[in-house]
Amino acid sequence: MQHTRRHAIAAAMSLAAACASGLAWADSYPSKPITLVVAYPAGGDTDALARLFAEKLATRLGQPVVVDNRPGASGIIGSAYVSKAAPDGYTLLLAPSTFSIAQLVLKTNGSSGYDVLNGFTPIVQTGSQPLFLVAGGGSGLASVKDVVAAAKGGKTLSYASPGSGSPMHILGEMFARASGASLAHVPYKGVAPAVNDVLGGHVPVTFITLGPVAPYFANGKLRPLAVASAQRSPLAPDVPTLAELGFKDVEVTAWNGLWGPRNLPAETVKTLNGHFNEILRMPDIGARMAVLGTTPVGGEAAVLGKTNAADYTRFGKVIKELGIQAD
């Protein structure tokens, strides 16, 4: 009896020690700087959002949060880097929705890519972004009707996107099919260089998020022609939807979200998700995200996982139907 009791006491003490150790580990996170990877060059809206979040998160966690730009291959290089990182919460990824579909267009092999559905741990969907058709001020294009007319009758019109496999690329091809216009895709390594070439008159139009282009609407350097969402955007209420203009099935909304490597501990996910949900509810964050053309989302980690899976399925079908490939 005493022998059994001693074993029971020892087992209880071991269990208590293990629990205490686990709690101490959870309470100690983070104990060193966190790297927040952005798989695009500095200057784009994903980079701007990452720096906005990093500042707030560092204050709340008491540790530096360093933004690390790792651009290339429509975000695949940076995303793959995070997928191979240790699942300890110190290497995270802020990714736009290109994350879900780029590999379907670029056809990477297993060693250079990542598992879209199972290779990461979703943490939180940070925002939602409507996509706009925008023309350069010197393009002579003042409406969607002008764009279609300029890209018919044996003529081809170029459009810029932040990269092959981006939602903007997919939207451009969907619009081309719906309108019968001949459009040539010109991919760039991120939002900023794409916008710069439309501003410079090298490419007449782009499909893009609002933040990087809105500052140029007032001076006429860029002109918004339509938004590809179900309803008009409250961020640009005077811009008609493509559905209003007769293109009812051409609807694409971008998003961004925070990911960790696969098998990130549940306690780490809970900690980061909780902090981000509070950050996304801050009035100053909402105001600054609006400037970037982004609406805060938040919610449970599963929301991001479901959004990602839905886009992977939907746009996988579109890519196959239209034969979309990297340019």
Protein backbone atom coordinates (compact mmCIF):
# COMPACT_ATOMS: atom_id res chain seq x y z
CA MET A 1 0.00 0.00 0.00
CA GLN A 2 2.79 2.41 0.94
CA HIS A 3 4.68 1.46 -2.21
CA THR A 4 1.61 2.26 -4.32
CA ARG A 5 1.06 5.51 -2.47
CA ARG A 6 4.68 6.58 -3.03
CA HIS A 7 4.31 5.90 -6.75
CA ALA A 8 1.07 7.91 -6.88
CA ILE A 9 2.67 10.85 -5.07
CA ALA A 10 5.71 10.70 -7.38
CA ALA A 11 3.51 10.61 -10.47
CA ALA A 12 1.49 13.57 -9.23
CA MET A 13 4.66 15.54 -8.53
CA SER A 14 6.01 14.74 -12.01
CA LEU A 15 2.75 15.84 -13.61
CA ALA A 16 2.74 19.07 -11.62
CA ALA A 17 6.34 19.75 -12.60
CA ALA A 18 5.54 19.14 -16.26
CA CYS A 19 2.53 21.45 -16.10
CA ALA A 20 4.55 24.10 -14.34
CA SER A 21 7.26 23.80 -16.98
CA GLY A 22 4.68 24.15 -19.75
CA LEU A 23 3.12 27.19 -18.12
CA ALA A 24 6.54 28.75 -17.63
CA TRP A 25 7.30 28.21 -21.33
CA ALA A 26 3.98 29.74 -22.35
CA ASP A 27 4.43 32.66 -19.99
CA SER A 28 7.97 33.28 -21.30
CA TYR A 29 6.92 33.69 -24.93
CA PRO A 30 8.36 35.71 -26.44
CA SER A 31 11.77 35.81 -24.78
CA LYS A 32 13.64 37.16 -27.81
CA PRO A 33 12.97 39.23 -30.97
CA ILE A 34 10.37 38.03 -33.49
CA THR A 35 10.97 38.13 -37.24
CA LEU A 36 7.95 39.07 -39.36
CA VAL A 37 8.65 38.03 -42.94
CA VAL A 38 7.13 39.92 -45.88
CA ALA A 39 7.65 38.08 -49.16
CA TYR A 40 7.63 41.31 -51.19
CA PRO A 41 9.84 44.41 -51.56
CA ALA A 42 9.58 47.35 -49.20
CA GLY A 43 7.09 50.04 -50.24
CA GLY A 44 4.03 47.93 -51.00
CA ASP A 45 0.86 47.68 -48.95
CA THR A 46 1.78 44.32 -47.35
CA ASP A 47 5.08 45.79 -46.22
CA ALA A 48 3.34 48.89 -44.86
CA LEU A 49 0.84 46.76 -42.93
CA ALA A 50 3.64 44.60 -41.53
CA ARG A 51 5.49 47.63 -40.18
CA LEU A 52 2.27 48.99 -38.71
CA PHE A 53 1.53 45.71 -36.92
CA ALA A 54 5.15 45.15 -35.87
CA GLU A 55 5.23 48.45 -34.01
CA LYS A 56 2.08 47.68 -32.02
CA LEU A 57 2.96 44.04 -31.39
CA ALA A 58 6.43 44.88 -30.11
CA THR A 59 4.94 47.29 -27.59
CA ARG A 60 2.48 44.70 -26.35
CA LEU A 61 4.93 41.78 -26.17
CA GLY A 62 7.92 43.67 -24.84
CA GLN A 63 10.20 42.30 -27.57
CA PRO A 64 11.35 43.75 -30.90
CA VAL A 65 9.40 42.64 -33.98
CA VAL A 66 11.65 42.96 -37.03
CA VAL A 67 10.21 43.10 -40.56
CA ASP A 68 12.29 41.01 -42.96
CA ASN A 69 11.61 41.54 -46.69
CA ARG A 70 12.30 38.39 -48.73
CA PRO A 71 10.85 39.10 -52.20
CA GLY A 72 10.79 36.92 -55.28
CA ALA A 73 8.62 34.56 -57.34
CA SER A 74 5.33 36.27 -56.42
CA GLY A 75 5.93 35.74 -52.71
CA ILE A 76 6.85 32.06 -52.96
CA ILE A 77 10.46 32.55 -51.83
CA GLY A 78 9.59 34.31 -48.57
CA SER A 79 6.64 32.04 -47.83
CA ALA A 80 8.73 28.90 -48.38
CA TYR A 81 11.37 30.30 -46.04
CA VAL A 82 8.83 30.60 -43.22
CA SER A 83 7.41 27.14 -43.92
CA LYS A 84 10.85 25.67 -43.18
CA ALA A 85 11.44 27.70 -40.01
CA ALA A 86 11.26 26.24 -36.51
CA PRO A 87 7.66 26.25 -35.18
CA ASP A 88 8.55 28.29 -32.11
CA GLY A 89 6.71 31.56 -32.81
CA TYR A 90 9.84 33.57 -33.64
CA THR A 91 9.49 33.46 -37.43
CA LEU A 92 6.11 34.57 -38.77
CA LEU A 93 4.71 35.51 -42.17
CA LEU A 94 2.37 38.35 -43.09
CA ALA A 95 1.03 37.35 -46.49
CA PRO A 96 -1.50 38.70 -49.00
CA SER A 97 -3.88 36.30 -50.73
CA THR A 98 -1.33 35.69 -53.49
CA PHE A 99 -0.11 33.14 -50.95
CA SER A 100 -3.04 30.85 -51.82
CA ILE A 101 -2.70 30.81 -55.59
CA ALA A 102 0.79 31.82 -56.78
CA GLN A 103 2.06 28.25 -56.92
CA LEU A 104 -0.88 27.19 -59.09
CA VAL A 105 0.35 29.63 -61.73
CA LEU A 106 4.13 29.40 -61.31
CA LYS A 107 4.18 25.57 -61.07
CA THR A 108 6.99 25.31 -58.54
CA ASN A 109 8.39 21.98 -57.43
CA GLY A 110 8.23 20.70 -53.88
CA SER A 111 11.72 21.82 -52.89
CA SER A 112 11.17 25.47 -53.81
CA GLY A 113 7.53 25.83 -52.76
CA TYR A 114 5.25 25.13 -49.82
CA ASP A 115 2.07 23.26 -48.93
CA VAL A 116 -0.68 25.88 -49.23
CA LEU A 117 -3.26 23.98 -47.18
CA ASN A 118 -1.15 22.08 -44.63
CA GLY A 119 2.29 23.67 -44.51
CA PHE A 120 1.48 26.58 -42.17
CA THR A 121 -0.39 27.41 -39.00
CA PRO A 122 -3.04 30.11 -39.47
CA ILE A 123 -2.99 32.77 -36.74
CA VAL A 124 -5.33 35.58 -37.78
CA GLN A 125 -6.81 37.18 -40.91
CA THR A 126 -5.68 40.76 -40.54
CA GLY A 127 -7.58 42.46 -43.34
CA SER A 128 -9.68 42.46 -46.49
CA GLN A 129 -8.90 44.54 -49.59
CA PRO A 130 -11.11 45.31 -52.60
CA LEU A 131 -9.35 45.34 -55.97
CA PHE A 132 -9.67 48.23 -58.41
CA LEU A 133 -9.17 48.72 -62.12
CA VAL A 134 -7.04 51.87 -62.34
CA ALA A 135 -5.82 53.77 -65.40
CA GLY A 136 -2.84 56.06 -65.76
CA GLY A 137 -3.70 59.74 -66.00
CA GLY A 138 -2.00 60.05 -69.38
CA SER A 139 -3.48 56.87 -70.84
CA GLY A 140 -6.56 58.57 -72.29
CA LEU A 141 -8.74 55.93 -70.61
CA ALA A 142 -11.56 57.49 -68.58
CA SER A 143 -13.89 54.51 -68.18
CA VAL A 144 -14.10 50.73 -68.34
CA LYS A 145 -15.81 51.18 -71.71
CA ASP A 146 -12.68 52.99 -72.94
CA VAL A 147 -10.49 50.12 -71.74
CA VAL A 148 -12.56 47.52 -73.56
CA ALA A 149 -12.65 49.60 -76.74
CA ALA A 150 -8.88 50.11 -76.63
CA ALA A 151 -8.31 46.35 -76.28
CA LYS A 152 -10.53 45.19 -79.14
CA GLY A 153 -10.35 45.17 -82.89
CA GLY A 154 -6.97 43.50 -83.12
CA LYS A 155 -5.37 45.73 -80.50
CA THR A 156 -3.85 44.51 -77.24
CA LEU A 157 -3.78 46.53 -74.03
CA SER A 158 -1.23 45.83 -71.29
CA TYR A 159 -2.08 45.69 -67.60
CA ALA A 160 0.28 45.63 -64.64
CA SER A 161 0.01 43.38 -61.59
CA PRO A 162 2.20 42.80 -58.50
CA GLY A 163 3.15 39.38 -59.87
CA SER A 164 2.10 36.23 -61.67
CA GLY A 165 -0.43 34.29 -59.65
CA SER A 166 -1.57 37.32 -57.68
CA PRO A 167 -5.31 38.01 -57.26
CA MET A 168 -4.73 41.01 -59.52
CA HIS A 169 -3.40 38.74 -62.27
CA ILE A 170 -6.39 36.40 -61.90
CA LEU A 171 -8.79 39.36 -61.95
CA GLY A 172 -7.19 40.70 -65.13
CA GLU A 173 -7.70 37.40 -66.91
CA MET A 174 -11.28 37.08 -65.64
CA PHE A 175 -12.03 40.59 -66.90
CA ALA A 176 -10.45 39.82 -70.27
CA ARG A 177 -12.66 36.75 -70.68
CA ALA A 178 -15.84 38.56 -69.60
CA SER A 179 -15.23 41.63 -71.76
CA GLY A 180 -13.73 39.98 -74.82
CA ALA A 181 -10.83 42.42 -74.58
CA SER A 182 -7.29 41.45 -75.54
CA LEU A 183 -5.15 42.11 -72.46
CA ALA A 184 -1.45 41.39 -72.00
CA HIS A 185 -0.30 40.74 -68.44
CA VAL A 186 2.83 42.54 -67.25
CA PRO A 187 3.92 41.12 -63.86
CA TYR A 188 6.12 43.03 -61.40
CA LYS A 189 7.94 42.09 -58.21
CA GLY A 190 5.42 43.71 -55.92
CA VAL A 191 2.86 46.50 -55.78
CA ALA A 192 5.20 49.49 -55.70
CA PRO A 193 7.03 48.81 -59.01
CA ALA A 194 3.74 48.00 -60.75
CA VAL A 195 2.21 51.31 -59.66
CA ASN A 196 5.35 53.22 -60.57
CA ASP A 197 5.22 51.99 -64.17
CA VAL A 198 1.55 52.95 -64.52
CA LEU A 199 2.40 56.39 -63.13
CA GLY A 200 5.24 56.63 -65.62
CA GLY A 201 2.98 55.75 -68.55
CA HIS A 202 4.81 52.52 -69.37
CA VAL A 203 1.66 50.44 -68.76
CA PRO A 204 -1.81 52.01 -69.24
CA VAL A 205 -3.82 50.18 -66.56
CA THR A 206 -3.48 48.00 -63.48
CA PHE A 207 -5.63 45.86 -61.23
CA ILE A 208 -4.54 46.83 -57.74
CA THR A 209 -5.48 47.42 -54.10
CA LEU A 210 -6.54 50.93 -53.16
CA GLY A 211 -3.85 52.06 -50.74
CA PRO A 212 -0.89 52.47 -53.12
CA VAL A 213 -2.93 54.32 -55.78
CA ALA A 214 -5.43 56.48 -53.87
CA PRO A 215 -2.95 59.33 -53.21
CA TYR A 216 -2.74 59.92 -56.97
CA PHE A 217 -6.48 60.24 -57.65
CA ALA A 218 -6.82 63.87 -56.57
CA ASN A 219 -4.07 65.16 -58.87
CA GLY A 220 -5.23 63.06 -61.82
CA LYS A 221 -2.06 61.01 -62.14
CA LEU A 222 -4.19 57.89 -61.73
CA ARG A 223 -7.89 57.33 -62.33
CA PRO A 224 -10.07 54.64 -60.65
CA LEU A 225 -12.44 53.07 -63.16
CA ALA A 226 -14.15 50.23 -61.25
CA VAL A 227 -13.98 48.02 -58.17
CA ALA A 228 -14.21 44.22 -58.36
CA SER A 229 -16.31 43.67 -55.23
CA ALA A 230 -19.97 42.81 -54.68
CA GLN A 231 -20.74 46.32 -53.44
CA ARG A 232 -19.04 49.67 -53.81
CA SER A 233 -16.20 50.16 -51.39
CA PRO A 234 -16.83 52.62 -48.53
CA LEU A 235 -13.22 53.66 -49.07
CA ALA A 236 -14.11 54.89 -52.60
CA PRO A 237 -17.91 55.14 -52.76
CA ASP A 238 -18.00 57.02 -56.08
CA VAL A 239 -16.29 54.19 -57.98
CA PRO A 240 -18.77 51.77 -59.63
CA THR A 241 -18.50 48.00 -59.31
CA LEU A 242 -17.72 45.89 -62.35
CA ALA A 243 -21.09 44.22 -61.78
CA GLU A 244 -22.84 47.59 -62.16
CA LEU A 245 -21.08 47.97 -65.49
CA GLY A 246 -22.28 44.62 -66.76
CA PHE A 247 -19.51 42.25 -65.62
CA LYS A 248 -21.45 40.31 -62.99
CA ASP A 249 -19.12 37.35 -62.54
CA VAL A 250 -15.88 39.33 -62.29
CA GLU A 251 -15.41 39.63 -58.55
CA VAL A 252 -12.15 39.19 -56.62
CA THR A 253 -11.35 40.45 -53.12
CA ALA A 254 -7.84 40.28 -51.74
CA TRP A 255 -6.94 39.68 -48.10
CA ASN A 256 -3.92 39.45 -45.84
CA GLY A 257 -3.17 37.25 -42.86
CA LEU A 258 -0.61 36.18 -40.27
CA TRP A 259 0.87 32.68 -40.49
CA GLY A 260 3.40 30.61 -38.60
CA PRO A 261 5.18 27.42 -39.64
CA ARG A 262 3.28 24.15 -39.39
CA ASN A 263 2.80 22.78 -35.84
CA LEU A 264 3.04 26.14 -34.11
CA PRO A 265 2.04 25.50 -30.45
CA ALA A 266 -1.60 26.23 -29.68
CA GLU A 267 -0.64 28.53 -26.81
CA THR A 268 1.53 30.61 -29.12
CA VAL A 269 -1.30 30.87 -31.65
CA LYS A 270 -3.67 31.90 -28.87
CA THR A 271 -1.26 34.57 -27.61
CA LEU A 272 -0.64 36.09 -31.04
CA ASN A 273 -4.28 35.86 -32.11
CA GLY A 274 -5.42 37.62 -28.94
CA HIS A 275 -2.94 40.45 -29.34
CA PHE A 276 -3.76 40.93 -33.01
CA ASN A 277 -7.48 41.02 -32.40
CA GLU A 278 -6.97 43.80 -29.87
CA ILE A 279 -4.60 45.63 -32.23
CA LEU A 280 -7.14 45.41 -35.07
CA ARG A 281 -9.78 47.01 -32.84
CA MET A 282 -7.64 50.07 -32.11
CA PRO A 283 -9.14 53.21 -33.73
CA ASP A 284 -5.76 54.49 -34.91
CA ILE A 285 -4.98 51.14 -36.55
CA GLY A 286 -8.35 51.12 -38.32
CA ALA A 287 -7.69 54.63 -39.62
CA ARG A 288 -4.21 53.80 -40.86
CA MET A 289 -5.40 50.56 -42.47
CA ALA A 290 -8.12 52.53 -44.29
CA VAL A 291 -5.39 54.70 -45.81
CA LEU A 292 -3.84 51.47 -47.08
CA GLY A 293 -7.16 50.40 -48.58
CA THR A 294 -7.66 47.65 -46.02
CA THR A 295 -10.56 46.80 -43.70
CA PRO A 296 -9.63 45.03 -40.43
CA VAL A 297 -11.01 41.49 -40.06
CA GLY A 298 -9.64 39.57 -37.06
CA GLY A 299 -11.50 36.69 -35.43
CA GLU A 300 -10.37 33.16 -34.65
CA ALA A 301 -7.41 31.55 -36.37
CA ALA A 302 -9.78 29.21 -38.22
CA VAL A 303 -11.20 32.17 -40.16
CA LEU A 304 -7.90 32.61 -41.97
CA GLY A 305 -7.60 28.89 -42.67
CA LYS A 306 -11.08 28.77 -44.21
CA THR A 307 -10.48 31.91 -46.32
CA ASN A 308 -7.23 30.45 -47.63
CA ALA A 309 -8.79 27.08 -48.50
CA ALA A 310 -11.76 28.73 -50.24
CA ASP A 311 -9.50 30.86 -52.45
CA TYR A 312 -7.26 27.90 -53.26
CA THR A 313 -10.28 25.92 -54.46
CA ARG A 314 -12.10 28.73 -56.28
CA PHE A 315 -9.12 30.22 -58.07
CA GLY A 316 -7.61 26.83 -58.78
CA LYS A 317 -10.65 26.17 -60.96
CA VAL A 318 -10.41 29.59 -62.63
CA ILE A 319 -6.71 29.13 -63.35
CA LYS A 320 -7.40 25.75 -64.95
CA GLU A 321 -10.39 27.00 -66.96
CA LEU A 322 -8.52 30.01 -68.34
CA GLY A 323 -5.17 28.30 -68.73
CA ILE A 324 -3.46 31.03 -66.71
CA GLN A 325 0.33 30.68 -66.56
CA ALA A 326 3.23 32.77 -65.39
CA ASP A 327 4.33 35.49 -67.81
